[in-house]
Structure formats: C-alpha cells, structure tokens
C-alpha cells in the first residue's frame, strides 16, 4: 500500500495566528482579507504578495521570511 504524501503547511504562521488572534477568522478580519486567502496561504496553496507579507509580519510581530517558510 502506498503512503499518502504528507501535506505541507506553514506551521509557524498557523501557530502565530492562533497565538495572537485565537483563530484565522479573527485574523482575517484584522487583516481585512478573505479567510479563504488566509487558509490558502497557511496550506501552501498560494504564496503571499509583498503587501500581504508586510501586513502579516506587522500583525504577528514576526519577520515575513520566517512566517512564510515552507
């Protein structure tokens, strides 16, 4: 039986969002973006724009290169 490939996520991004905002819905409201976009960024289905990187870094008090490491 073949093993399922492991799902790649940005664990630190998810952790920081929960740490500062309790859930990604509240974070999305604070960032004024759709919650689906936050989910896609966390689950590596999308890479952040330069503006999103700066905003997330500011809201989560963490450097963007660390937040968005895969």
PDB file of N, CA and C in Angstrom:
ATOM      1  N   UNK A   1       0.839  -1.174   0.000  1.00  0.00           N
ATOM      2  CA  UNK A   1       0.000   0.000   0.000  1.00  0.00           C
ATOM      3  C   UNK A   1       0.889   1.244   0.000  1.00  0.00           C
ATOM      4  N   UNK A   2       0.544   2.198  -0.874  1.00  0.00           N
ATOM      5  CA  UNK A   2       1.324   3.426  -0.969  1.00  0.00           C
ATOM      6  C   UNK A   2       0.996   4.370   0.175  1.00  0.00           C
ATOM      7  N   UNK A   3       2.023   5.061   0.631  1.00  0.00           N
ATOM      8  CA  UNK A   3       1.824   6.080   1.657  1.00  0.00           C
ATOM      9  C   UNK A   3       1.298   7.353   1.008  1.00  0.00           C
ATOM     10  N   UNK A   4       0.396   8.015   1.695  1.00  0.00           N
ATOM     11  CA  UNK A   4      -0.086   9.307   1.221  1.00  0.00           C
ATOM     12  C   UNK A   4       1.026  10.332   1.399  1.00  0.00           C
ATOM     13  N   UNK A   5       1.206  11.213   0.430  1.00  0.00           N
ATOM     14  CA  UNK A   5       2.204  12.267   0.641  1.00  0.00           C
ATOM     15  C   UNK A   5       1.761  13.181   1.776  1.00  0.00           C
ATOM     16  N   UNK A   6       2.718  13.621   2.565  1.00  0.00           N
ATOM     17  CA  UNK A   6       2.363  14.482   3.692  1.00  0.00           C
ATOM     18  C   UNK A   6       1.992  15.865   3.188  1.00  0.00           C
ATOM     19  N   UNK A   7       1.011  16.428   3.823  1.00  0.00           N
ATOM     20  CA  UNK A   7       0.522  17.750   3.450  1.00  0.00           C
ATOM     21  C   UNK A   7       1.479  18.803   4.003  1.00  0.00           C
ATOM     22  N   UNK A   8       1.881  19.707   3.149  1.00  0.00           N
ATOM     23  CA  UNK A   8       2.806  20.755   3.566  1.00  0.00           C
ATOM     24  C   UNK A   8       2.002  21.967   4.038  1.00  0.00           C
ATOM     25  N   UNK A   9       2.296  22.441   5.243  1.00  0.00           N
ATOM     26  CA  UNK A   9       1.644  23.647   5.753  1.00  0.00           C
ATOM     27  C   UNK A   9       2.689  24.558   6.385  1.00  0.00           C
ATOM     28  N   UNK A  10       2.313  25.787   6.541  1.00  0.00           N
ATOM     29  CA  UNK A  10       3.181  26.748   7.228  1.00  0.00           C
ATOM     30  C   UNK A  10       2.782  26.744   8.699  1.00  0.00           C
ATOM     31  N   UNK A  11       3.416  25.859   9.460  1.00  0.00           N
ATOM     32  CA  UNK A  11       3.040  25.642  10.863  1.00  0.00           C
ATOM     33  C   UNK A  11       3.248  26.874  11.726  1.00  0.00           C
ATOM     34  N   UNK A  12       4.346  27.577  11.535  1.00  0.00           N
ATOM     35  CA  UNK A  12       4.608  28.756  12.357  1.00  0.00           C
ATOM     36  C   UNK A  12       3.573  29.847  12.095  1.00  0.00           C
ATOM     37  N   UNK A  13       3.179  30.009  10.843  1.00  0.00           N
ATOM     38  CA  UNK A  13       2.152  31.003  10.515  1.00  0.00           C
ATOM     39  C   UNK A  13       0.856  30.669  11.236  1.00  0.00           C
ATOM     40  N   UNK A  14       0.454  29.414  11.175  1.00  0.00           N
ATOM     41  CA  UNK A  14      -0.774  28.990  11.860  1.00  0.00           C
ATOM     42  C   UNK A  14      -0.653  29.207  13.374  1.00  0.00           C
ATOM     43  N   UNK A  15       0.487  28.844  13.940  1.00  0.00           N
ATOM     44  CA  UNK A  15       0.712  28.994  15.377  1.00  0.00           C
ATOM     45  C   UNK A  15       0.633  30.458  15.804  1.00  0.00           C
ATOM     46  N   UNK A  16       1.286  31.335  15.064  1.00  0.00           N
ATOM     47  CA  UNK A  16       1.276  32.762  15.403  1.00  0.00           C
ATOM     48  C   UNK A  16      -0.125  33.357  15.286  1.00  0.00           C
ATOM     49  N   UNK A  17      -0.886  32.932  14.284  1.00  0.00           N
ATOM     50  CA  UNK A  17      -2.259  33.427  14.128  1.00  0.00           C
ATOM     51  C   UNK A  17      -3.098  33.020  15.328  1.00  0.00           C
ATOM     52  N   UNK A  18      -3.002  31.773  15.736  1.00  0.00           N
ATOM     53  CA  UNK A  18      -3.773  31.289  16.890  1.00  0.00           C
ATOM     54  C   UNK A  18      -3.301  31.971  18.170  1.00  0.00           C
ATOM     55  N   UNK A  19      -2.003  32.162  18.294  1.00  0.00           N
ATOM     56  CA  UNK A  19      -1.421  32.803  19.475  1.00  0.00           C
ATOM     57  C   UNK A  19      -1.920  34.244  19.649  1.00  0.00           C
ATOM     58  N   UNK A  20      -1.989  34.984  18.559  1.00  0.00           N
ATOM     59  CA  UNK A  20      -2.343  36.403  18.626  1.00  0.00           C
ATOM     60  C   UNK A  20      -3.830  36.696  18.428  1.00  0.00           C
ATOM     61  N   UNK A  21      -4.532  35.849  17.656  1.00  0.00           N
ATOM     62  CA  UNK A  21      -5.917  36.161  17.292  1.00  0.00           C
ATOM     63  C   UNK A  21      -6.914  35.047  17.616  1.00  0.00           C
ATOM     64  N   UNK A  22      -6.496  33.965  18.205  1.00  0.00           N
ATOM     65  CA  UNK A  22      -7.321  32.805  18.568  1.00  0.00           C
ATOM     66  C   UNK A  22      -7.724  31.935  17.380  1.00  0.00           C
ATOM     67  N   UNK A  23      -8.069  32.522  16.240  1.00  0.00           N
ATOM     68  CA  UNK A  23      -8.391  31.711  15.063  1.00  0.00           C
ATOM     69  C   UNK A  23      -8.155  32.518  13.788  1.00  0.00           C
ATOM     70  N   UNK A  24      -8.153  31.826  12.658  1.00  0.00           N
ATOM     71  CA  UNK A  24      -7.818  32.514  11.415  1.00  0.00           C
ATOM     72  C   UNK A  24      -8.932  33.437  10.941  1.00  0.00           C
ATOM     73  N   UNK A  25     -10.156  33.219  11.388  1.00  0.00           N
ATOM     74  CA  UNK A  25     -11.258  34.113  11.045  1.00  0.00           C
ATOM     75  C   UNK A  25     -11.056  35.502  11.628  1.00  0.00           C
ATOM     76  N   UNK A  26     -10.678  35.556  12.885  1.00  0.00           N
ATOM     77  CA  UNK A  26     -10.413  36.850  13.532  1.00  0.00           C
ATOM     78  C   UNK A  26      -9.194  37.533  12.925  1.00  0.00           C
ATOM     79  N   UNK A  27      -8.206  36.726  12.581  1.00  0.00           N
ATOM     80  CA  UNK A  27      -7.024  37.287  11.930  1.00  0.00           C
ATOM     81  C   UNK A  27      -7.393  37.879  10.574  1.00  0.00           C
ATOM     82  N   UNK A  28      -8.216  37.173   9.815  1.00  0.00           N
ATOM     83  CA  UNK A  28      -8.648  37.666   8.505  1.00  0.00           C
ATOM     84  C   UNK A  28      -9.393  38.993   8.638  1.00  0.00           C
ATOM     85  N   UNK A  29     -10.222  39.112   9.667  1.00  0.00           N
ATOM     86  CA  UNK A  29     -10.927  40.380   9.905  1.00  0.00           C
ATOM     87  C   UNK A  29      -9.938  41.503  10.216  1.00  0.00           C
ATOM     88  N   UNK A  30      -8.954  41.218  11.052  1.00  0.00           N
ATOM     89  CA  UNK A  30      -7.956  42.225  11.416  1.00  0.00           C
ATOM     90  C   UNK A  30      -7.117  42.632  10.202  1.00  0.00           C
ATOM     91  N   UNK A  31      -6.819  41.667   9.341  1.00  0.00           N
ATOM     92  CA  UNK A  31      -6.006  41.931   8.152  1.00  0.00           C
ATOM     93  C   UNK A  31      -6.846  42.470   6.993  1.00  0.00           C
ATOM     94  N   UNK A  32      -8.165  42.438   7.159  1.00  0.00           N
ATOM     95  CA  UNK A  32      -9.110  42.889   6.134  1.00  0.00           C
ATOM     96  C   UNK A  32      -8.937  42.144   4.819  1.00  0.00           C
ATOM     97  N   UNK A  33      -8.772  40.812   4.929  1.00  0.00           N
ATOM     98  CA  UNK A  33      -8.734  39.958   3.744  1.00  0.00           C
ATOM     99  C   UNK A  33      -9.653  38.773   3.974  1.00  0.00           C
ATOM    100  N   UNK A  34      -9.983  38.076   2.910  1.00  0.00           N
ATOM    101  CA  UNK A  34     -10.881  36.938   2.991  1.00  0.00           C
ATOM    102  C   UNK A  34     -10.222  35.783   3.748  1.00  0.00           C
ATOM    103  N   UNK A  35     -11.005  35.107   4.559  1.00  0.00           N
ATOM    104  CA  UNK A  35     -10.487  33.978   5.340  1.00  0.00           C
ATOM    105  C   UNK A  35      -9.967  32.862   4.439  1.00  0.00           C
ATOM    106  N   UNK A  36     -10.555  32.700   3.258  1.00  0.00           N
ATOM    107  CA  UNK A  36     -10.103  31.663   2.324  1.00  0.00           C
ATOM    108  C   UNK A  36      -8.671  31.925   1.865  1.00  0.00           C
ATOM    109  N   UNK A  37      -8.314  33.176   1.707  1.00  0.00           N
ATOM    110  CA  UNK A  37      -6.943  33.515   1.305  1.00  0.00           C
ATOM    111  C   UNK A  37      -5.969  33.154   2.421  1.00  0.00           C
ATOM    112  N   UNK A  38      -6.349  33.443   3.659  1.00  0.00           N
ATOM    113  CA  UNK A  38      -5.507  33.078   4.805  1.00  0.00           C
ATOM    114  C   UNK A  38      -5.303  31.565   4.823  1.00  0.00           C
ATOM    115  N   UNK A  39      -6.369  30.823   4.609  1.00  0.00           N
ATOM    116  CA  UNK A  39      -6.291  29.364   4.593  1.00  0.00           C
ATOM    117  C   UNK A  39      -5.359  28.874   3.485  1.00  0.00           C
ATOM    118  N   UNK A  40      -5.479  29.456   2.301  1.00  0.00           N
ATOM    119  CA  UNK A  40      -4.619  29.051   1.181  1.00  0.00           C
ATOM    120  C   UNK A  40      -3.154  29.361   1.456  1.00  0.00           C
ATOM    121  N   UNK A  41      -2.898  30.467   2.129  1.00  0.00           N
ATOM    122  CA  UNK A  41      -1.519  30.811   2.484  1.00  0.00           C
ATOM    123  C   UNK A  41      -0.959  29.834   3.518  1.00  0.00           C
ATOM    124  N   UNK A  42      -1.765  29.491   4.518  1.00  0.00           N
ATOM    125  CA  UNK A  42      -1.329  28.547   5.551  1.00  0.00           C
ATOM    126  C   UNK A  42      -1.043  27.178   4.944  1.00  0.00           C
ATOM    127  N   UNK A  43      -1.910  26.737   4.037  1.00  0.00           N
ATOM    128  CA  UNK A  43      -1.796  25.398   3.463  1.00  0.00           C
ATOM    129  C   UNK A  43      -0.920  25.324   2.217  1.00  0.00           C
ATOM    130  N   UNK A  44      -0.173  26.394   1.946  1.00  0.00           N
ATOM    131  CA  UNK A  44       0.793  26.442   0.843  1.00  0.00           C
ATOM    132  C   UNK A  44       0.167  26.298  -0.543  1.00  0.00           C
ATOM    133  N   UNK A  45      -1.103  26.627  -0.682  1.00  0.00           N
ATOM    134  CA  UNK A  45      -1.735  26.612  -1.999  1.00  0.00           C
ATOM    135  C   UNK A  45      -1.491  27.924  -2.728  1.00  0.00           C
ATOM    136  N   UNK A  46      -0.980  28.904  -2.001  1.00  0.00           N
ATOM    137  CA  UNK A  46      -0.737  30.227  -2.561  1.00  0.00           C
ATOM    138  C   UNK A  46       0.437  30.855  -1.812  1.00  0.00           C
ATOM    139  N   UNK A  47       1.224  31.635  -2.536  1.00  0.00           N
ATOM    140  CA  UNK A  47       2.305  32.392  -1.903  1.00  0.00           C
ATOM    141  C   UNK A  47       1.827  33.820  -1.676  1.00  0.00           C
ATOM    142  N   UNK A  48       2.296  34.452  -0.619  1.00  0.00           N
ATOM    143  CA  UNK A  48       1.822  35.797  -0.298  1.00  0.00           C
ATOM    144  C   UNK A  48       2.374  36.855  -1.254  1.00  0.00           C
ATOM    145  N   UNK A  49       1.598  37.908  -1.439  1.00  0.00           N
ATOM    146  CA  UNK A  49       2.097  39.068  -2.176  1.00  0.00           C
ATOM    147  C   UNK A  49       3.035  39.831  -1.238  1.00  0.00           C
ATOM    148  N   UNK A  50       3.749  40.776  -1.781  1.00  0.00           N
ATOM    149  CA  UNK A  50       4.657  41.584  -0.951  1.00  0.00           C
ATOM    150  C   UNK A  50       3.876  42.342   0.121  1.00  0.00           C
ATOM    151  N   UNK A  51       2.717  42.876  -0.256  1.00  0.00           N
ATOM    152  CA  UNK A  51       1.888  43.607   0.710  1.00  0.00           C
ATOM    153  C   UNK A  51       1.364  42.692   1.812  1.00  0.00           C
ATOM    154  N   UNK A  52       0.945  41.484   1.437  1.00  0.00           N
ATOM    155  CA  UNK A  52       0.455  40.527   2.432  1.00  0.00           C
ATOM    156  C   UNK A  52       1.579  40.133   3.384  1.00  0.00           C
ATOM    157  N   UNK A  53       2.763  39.916   2.860  1.00  0.00           N
ATOM    158  CA  UNK A  53       3.908  39.560   3.709  1.00  0.00           C
ATOM    159  C   UNK A  53       4.172  40.637   4.752  1.00  0.00           C
ATOM    160  N   UNK A  54       4.172  41.891   4.311  1.00  0.00           N
ATOM    161  CA  UNK A  54       4.419  43.009   5.230  1.00  0.00           C
ATOM    162  C   UNK A  54       3.321  43.115   6.280  1.00  0.00           C
ATOM    163  N   UNK A  55       2.066  42.987   5.838  1.00  0.00           N
ATOM    164  CA  UNK A  55       0.931  43.101   6.749  1.00  0.00           C
ATOM    165  C   UNK A  55       0.946  41.982   7.791  1.00  0.00           C
ATOM    166  N   UNK A  56       1.136  40.742   7.345  1.00  0.00           N
ATOM    167  CA  UNK A  56       1.156  39.604   8.264  1.00  0.00           C
ATOM    168  C   UNK A  56       2.298  39.745   9.257  1.00  0.00           C
ATOM    169  N   UNK A  57       3.457  40.166   8.760  1.00  0.00           N
ATOM    170  CA  UNK A  57       4.619  40.350   9.616  1.00  0.00           C
ATOM    171  C   UNK A  57       4.335  41.381  10.704  1.00  0.00           C
ATOM    172  N   UNK A  58       3.699  42.471  10.319  1.00  0.00           N
ATOM    173  CA  UNK A  58       3.371  43.532  11.274  1.00  0.00           C
ATOM    174  C   UNK A  58       2.342  43.053  12.302  1.00  0.00           C
ATOM    175  N   UNK A  59       1.275  42.393  11.843  1.00  0.00           N
ATOM    176  CA  UNK A  59       0.217  41.946  12.748  1.00  0.00           C
ATOM    177  C   UNK A  59       0.684  40.854  13.711  1.00  0.00           C
ATOM    178  N   UNK A  60       1.623  40.015  13.249  1.00  0.00           N
ATOM    179  CA  UNK A  60       2.062  38.874  14.051  1.00  0.00           C
ATOM    180  C   UNK A  60       3.421  39.096  14.725  1.00  0.00           C
ATOM    181  N   UNK A  61       4.006  40.276  14.537  1.00  0.00           N
ATOM    182  CA  UNK A  61       5.296  40.621  15.156  1.00  0.00           C
ATOM    183  C   UNK A  61       6.378  39.575  14.902  1.00  0.00           C
ATOM    184  N   UNK A  62       6.445  39.113  13.658  1.00  0.00           N
ATOM    185  CA  UNK A  62       7.415  38.091  13.266  1.00  0.00           C
ATOM    186  C   UNK A  62       7.911  38.415  11.856  1.00  0.00           C
ATOM    187  N   UNK A  63       9.203  38.255  11.577  1.00  0.00           N
ATOM    188  CA  UNK A  63       9.700  38.523  10.227  1.00  0.00           C
ATOM    189  C   UNK A  63       8.992  37.663   9.171  1.00  0.00           C
ATOM    190  N   UNK A  64       8.702  38.263   8.026  1.00  0.00           N
ATOM    191  CA  UNK A  64       7.952  37.583   6.966  1.00  0.00           C
ATOM    192  C   UNK A  64       8.667  36.338   6.449  1.00  0.00           C
ATOM    193  N   UNK A  65       9.992  36.396   6.317  1.00  0.00           N
ATOM    194  CA  UNK A  65      10.712  35.232   5.795  1.00  0.00           C
ATOM    195  C   UNK A  65      10.577  34.025   6.718  1.00  0.00           C
ATOM    196  N   UNK A  66      10.416  34.256   7.998  1.00  0.00           N
ATOM    197  CA  UNK A  66      10.212  33.159   8.951  1.00  0.00           C
ATOM    198  C   UNK A  66       8.767  32.670   8.887  1.00  0.00           C
ATOM    199  N   UNK A  67       7.819  33.585   8.810  1.00  0.00           N
ATOM    200  CA  UNK A  67       6.400  33.214   8.766  1.00  0.00           C
ATOM    201  C   UNK A  67       6.063  32.354   7.557  1.00  0.00           C
ATOM    202  N   UNK A  68       6.639  32.699   6.408  1.00  0.00           N
ATOM    203  CA  UNK A  68       6.240  32.037   5.171  1.00  0.00           C
ATOM    204  C   UNK A  68       7.211  30.955   4.711  1.00  0.00           C
ATOM    205  N   UNK A  69       8.071  30.496   5.600  1.00  0.00           N
ATOM    206  CA  UNK A  69       8.949  29.369   5.273  1.00  0.00           C
ATOM    207  C   UNK A  69       8.096  28.111   5.158  1.00  0.00           C
ATOM    208  N   UNK A  70       8.415  27.289   4.177  1.00  0.00           N
ATOM    209  CA  UNK A  70       7.635  26.057   3.969  1.00  0.00           C
ATOM    210  C   UNK A  70       8.274  24.898   4.689  1.00  0.00           C
TER     211      UNK A  70
END
